Amino acid sequence: MKYFDLSFWALFGMIIGSFVNVCTVRLPLESSNKKRRLHLFNSQDTPPYLRHLIKNQKISLFLPARSFCFWCGHQLNWLENIPIFSYLFCKGHCNKCKNRIGQKIFWTEAIHGLFYLGNGWLLNGFLYPLASNICFSYLWVLCHCWYIKQLRNKIIFFGTIIVFCSSSVYSLLIINWKNI
């Protein structure tokens, strides 16, 4: 049973790492001001499809709904959307246009998988590792989005709520444990 639990934590960490990648890329684009958007739009380094999304202001955390290639706009199918394995299977390139996908995607998913696995192994139960892992992913997003003040304030506010809820759950668990 322990191997199932550890496999669960590793897989769950890679999935959350994939979502964290979406957050660290899309949240700054969604929250950027007109000056930053104009700079990105005019930059030679900005991929064509991303430039199109910036121009039409059609990028947010949930729009487009599926993962896509920033260069050609190819929406990833389910096989191309499996954390870590898809990156290795596609050799770090888009299947349609063959442009490179950044290594940041691979490393974020891998580090999350390993961190979640380690917490699942070191911490007993389900709630303690879950709370610790959520805080780790939250801090990862916060660190990557720190340079945008408006977004930073929203993330800190949301993090305060997470910490309050986590501490409430911890205190309830401790109280219930002492009463047993």
Protein backbone atom coordinates (compact mmCIF):
# COMPACT_ATOMS: atom_id res chain seq x y z
CA MET A 1 0.00 0.00 0.00
CA LYS A 2 2.89 2.36 0.69
CA TYR A 3 4.05 2.09 -2.93
CA PHE A 4 0.59 3.07 -4.13
CA ASP A 5 0.64 6.12 -1.85
CA LEU A 6 4.08 7.18 -3.06
CA SER A 7 3.06 6.68 -6.70
CA PHE A 8 -0.03 8.77 -6.05
CA TRP A 9 2.01 11.62 -4.56
CA ALA A 10 4.53 11.57 -7.41
CA LEU A 11 1.83 11.57 -10.10
CA PHE A 12 -0.22 14.20 -8.26
CA GLY A 13 2.90 16.38 -7.96
CA MET A 14 3.60 16.14 -11.69
CA ILE A 15 -0.02 17.06 -12.51
CA ILE A 16 0.06 20.03 -10.15
CA GLY A 17 3.46 20.99 -11.59
CA SER A 18 1.85 21.07 -15.02
CA PHE A 19 -0.86 23.40 -13.73
CA VAL A 20 1.77 25.54 -12.00
CA ASN A 21 3.46 25.91 -15.40
CA VAL A 22 0.20 27.25 -16.81
CA CYS A 23 -0.09 29.68 -13.89
CA THR A 24 3.48 30.98 -14.16
CA VAL A 25 3.11 31.64 -17.88
CA ARG A 26 -0.46 32.87 -18.18
CA LEU A 27 -0.97 34.88 -14.97
CA PRO A 28 1.74 37.46 -15.79
CA LEU A 29 0.31 37.84 -19.30
CA GLU A 30 -3.22 38.22 -17.97
CA SER A 31 -2.23 40.78 -15.32
CA SER A 32 0.26 42.81 -17.34
CA ASN A 33 -0.48 46.44 -18.09
CA LYS A 34 -0.77 47.94 -21.58
CA LYS A 35 2.88 49.05 -21.62
CA ARG A 36 4.12 45.52 -20.85
CA ARG A 37 1.75 43.98 -23.42
CA LEU A 38 2.95 46.44 -26.06
CA HIS A 39 6.56 45.61 -25.24
CA LEU A 40 5.84 41.86 -25.59
CA PHE A 41 3.89 42.42 -28.78
CA ASN A 42 6.73 44.37 -30.40
CA SER A 43 9.52 42.08 -29.18
CA GLN A 44 11.20 39.88 -31.80
CA ASP A 45 11.46 37.08 -29.22
CA THR A 46 7.69 36.78 -28.74
CA PRO A 47 6.31 33.73 -30.57
CA PRO A 48 3.76 34.48 -33.34
CA TYR A 49 0.71 32.81 -31.83
CA LEU A 50 1.39 34.38 -28.43
CA ARG A 51 1.67 37.75 -30.17
CA HIS A 52 -1.79 37.10 -31.69
CA LEU A 53 -3.26 36.31 -28.25
CA ILE A 54 -1.68 39.42 -26.72
CA LYS A 55 -3.00 41.61 -29.52
CA ASN A 56 -6.55 40.31 -29.10
CA GLN A 57 -6.26 40.12 -25.28
CA LYS A 58 -7.48 36.53 -25.37
CA ILE A 59 -5.13 34.97 -22.86
CA SER A 60 -5.96 34.31 -19.24
CA LEU A 61 -5.55 31.49 -16.77
CA PHE A 62 -8.53 29.67 -18.31
CA LEU A 63 -8.48 30.97 -21.90
CA PRO A 64 -7.60 29.20 -24.13
CA ALA A 65 -8.91 26.26 -22.16
CA ARG A 66 -6.33 23.74 -23.37
CA SER A 67 -2.55 23.84 -23.50
CA PHE A 68 -1.11 25.05 -26.79
CA CYS A 69 2.14 25.79 -28.60
CA PHE A 70 3.07 29.47 -28.37
CA TRP A 71 4.62 29.38 -31.85
CA CYS A 72 1.95 27.77 -34.02
CA GLY A 73 -1.14 27.62 -31.76
CA HIS A 74 -1.37 23.82 -31.95
CA GLN A 75 -3.65 22.64 -29.14
CA LEU A 76 -2.13 19.67 -27.37
CA ASN A 77 -4.07 16.41 -27.40
CA TRP A 78 -4.25 14.18 -24.34
CA LEU A 79 -1.13 12.21 -25.29
CA GLU A 80 0.90 15.42 -25.57
CA ASN A 81 -0.40 16.65 -22.22
CA ILE A 82 0.93 13.96 -19.86
CA PRO A 83 3.39 15.61 -17.44
CA ILE A 84 7.10 14.81 -18.02
CA PHE A 85 6.41 11.82 -20.28
CA SER A 86 5.00 13.99 -23.08
CA TYR A 87 8.05 16.23 -22.94
CA LEU A 88 10.34 13.22 -23.25
CA PHE A 89 8.14 11.58 -25.91
CA CYS A 90 8.12 14.76 -28.05
CA LYS A 91 11.84 15.31 -27.34
CA GLY A 92 11.13 18.83 -26.08
CA HIS A 93 9.59 20.02 -29.36
CA CYS A 94 6.09 20.79 -30.63
CA ASN A 95 4.77 17.91 -32.72
CA LYS A 96 3.34 20.27 -35.34
CA CYS A 97 5.87 23.08 -35.90
CA LYS A 98 8.92 21.37 -34.30
CA ASN A 99 9.87 24.48 -32.29
CA ARG A 100 11.52 23.88 -28.92
CA ILE A 101 9.46 23.79 -25.75
CA GLY A 102 11.32 25.34 -22.84
CA GLN A 103 13.06 23.11 -20.30
CA LYS A 104 11.34 25.07 -17.54
CA ILE A 105 8.20 23.02 -18.21
CA PHE A 106 10.04 19.73 -17.69
CA TRP A 107 11.90 20.86 -14.58
CA THR A 108 8.84 22.39 -12.91
CA GLU A 109 6.90 19.14 -13.34
CA ALA A 110 9.86 16.99 -12.24
CA ILE A 111 10.64 19.06 -9.15
CA HIS A 112 6.98 19.09 -8.14
CA GLY A 113 6.75 15.33 -8.60
CA LEU A 114 9.86 14.77 -6.46
CA PHE A 115 8.81 17.26 -3.79
CA TYR A 116 5.33 15.75 -3.50
CA LEU A 117 6.85 12.25 -3.42
CA GLY A 118 9.27 13.29 -0.65
CA ASN A 119 6.51 14.87 1.43
CA GLY A 120 4.28 11.83 0.95
CA TRP A 121 7.11 9.64 2.17
CA LEU A 122 8.29 11.81 5.09
CA LEU A 123 4.95 13.07 6.42
CA ASN A 124 2.33 10.63 7.60
CA GLY A 125 -1.29 10.70 6.56
CA PHE A 126 -2.90 12.69 3.81
CA LEU A 127 -3.62 16.19 5.12
CA TYR A 128 -0.10 17.11 6.29
CA PRO A 129 1.59 16.30 2.98
CA LEU A 130 -1.29 17.89 1.06
CA ALA A 131 -1.09 21.16 2.99
CA SER A 132 2.70 21.27 2.70
CA ASN A 133 2.59 20.52 -1.03
CA ILE A 134 -0.05 23.16 -1.69
CA CYS A 135 2.12 25.73 0.08
CA PHE A 136 5.14 24.66 -2.00
CA SER A 137 3.23 25.07 -5.27
CA TYR A 138 1.80 28.38 -4.11
CA LEU A 139 5.28 29.68 -3.28
CA TRP A 140 6.55 28.49 -6.67
CA VAL A 141 3.89 30.57 -8.45
CA LEU A 142 4.53 33.53 -6.15
CA CYS A 143 8.27 33.49 -6.85
CA HIS A 144 7.74 33.36 -10.61
CA CYS A 145 5.15 36.16 -10.59
CA TRP A 146 6.81 38.42 -8.00
CA TYR A 147 7.79 41.16 -10.45
CA ILE A 148 4.17 42.12 -11.23
CA LYS A 149 2.93 44.12 -8.22
CA GLN A 150 -0.80 43.85 -8.98
CA LEU A 151 -0.55 40.09 -9.39
CA ARG A 152 1.75 39.74 -6.38
CA ASN A 153 -0.83 41.41 -4.12
CA LYS A 154 -3.58 39.06 -5.33
CA ILE A 155 -1.37 36.00 -4.81
CA ILE A 156 -0.36 37.13 -1.32
CA PHE A 157 -4.01 37.69 -0.41
CA PHE A 158 -4.93 34.23 -1.69
CA GLY A 159 -1.93 32.76 0.16
CA THR A 160 -3.07 34.34 3.41
CA ILE A 161 -6.38 32.55 3.01
CA ILE A 162 -4.55 29.26 2.31
CA VAL A 163 -2.37 29.64 5.41
CA PHE A 164 -5.39 30.50 7.57
CA CYS A 165 -7.31 27.46 6.32
CA SER A 166 -4.27 25.19 6.72
CA SER A 167 -3.66 26.35 10.28
CA SER A 168 -7.35 25.85 11.09
CA VAL A 169 -7.21 22.28 9.77
CA TYR A 170 -3.99 21.62 11.71
CA SER A 171 -5.48 22.94 14.96
CA LEU A 172 -8.65 20.88 14.50
CA LEU A 173 -6.58 17.76 13.87
CA ILE A 174 -4.44 18.38 16.97
CA ILE A 175 -7.50 19.02 19.15
CA ASN A 176 -9.23 15.87 17.87
CA TRP A 177 -6.04 13.83 18.27
CA LYS A 178 -5.58 14.92 21.91
CA ASN A 179 -9.20 14.02 22.72
CA ILE A 180 -8.75 10.43 21.52
